[in-house]
């Protein structure tokens, strides 16, 4: 098990979540330099971080992980919704006119996918299983 997997497993066990089906649950901020972003947000807002490797750091606050800094060079945050049933949610997104742009995939905290709505807004959906 990698350090990334161990950290994710530890966080799922110790950080309280406010997971509610289809609620906004998490936000990922796209950055070009994770360390520089951690320095900025830590200094400006007093945020703490949980490192998942050089490409990602979870944002810690109020006893839970509320978001993350994701290295990808983009400039738009990614709003994440929580779901109890990722397959059903992906199907509902498609039926409603959304487009899946990143298919359901596993990550150390569960599964996720990304979609665009009919207006071109990109969001993600995640579950812990």
Foldseek 3Di string as FASTA:
>chain_A
DDPLLVLLVVQVVFFDAPADAFAFGEKEFEDQFQVVVCVVCCVPPVWDWDDNDRAKIFTDDPRHGRYMYGYDPDGDMATEHEHPDVVVVVVVQVVQPKAWPADWDADSQAIKTWIAHPVGDIYMYGYRD
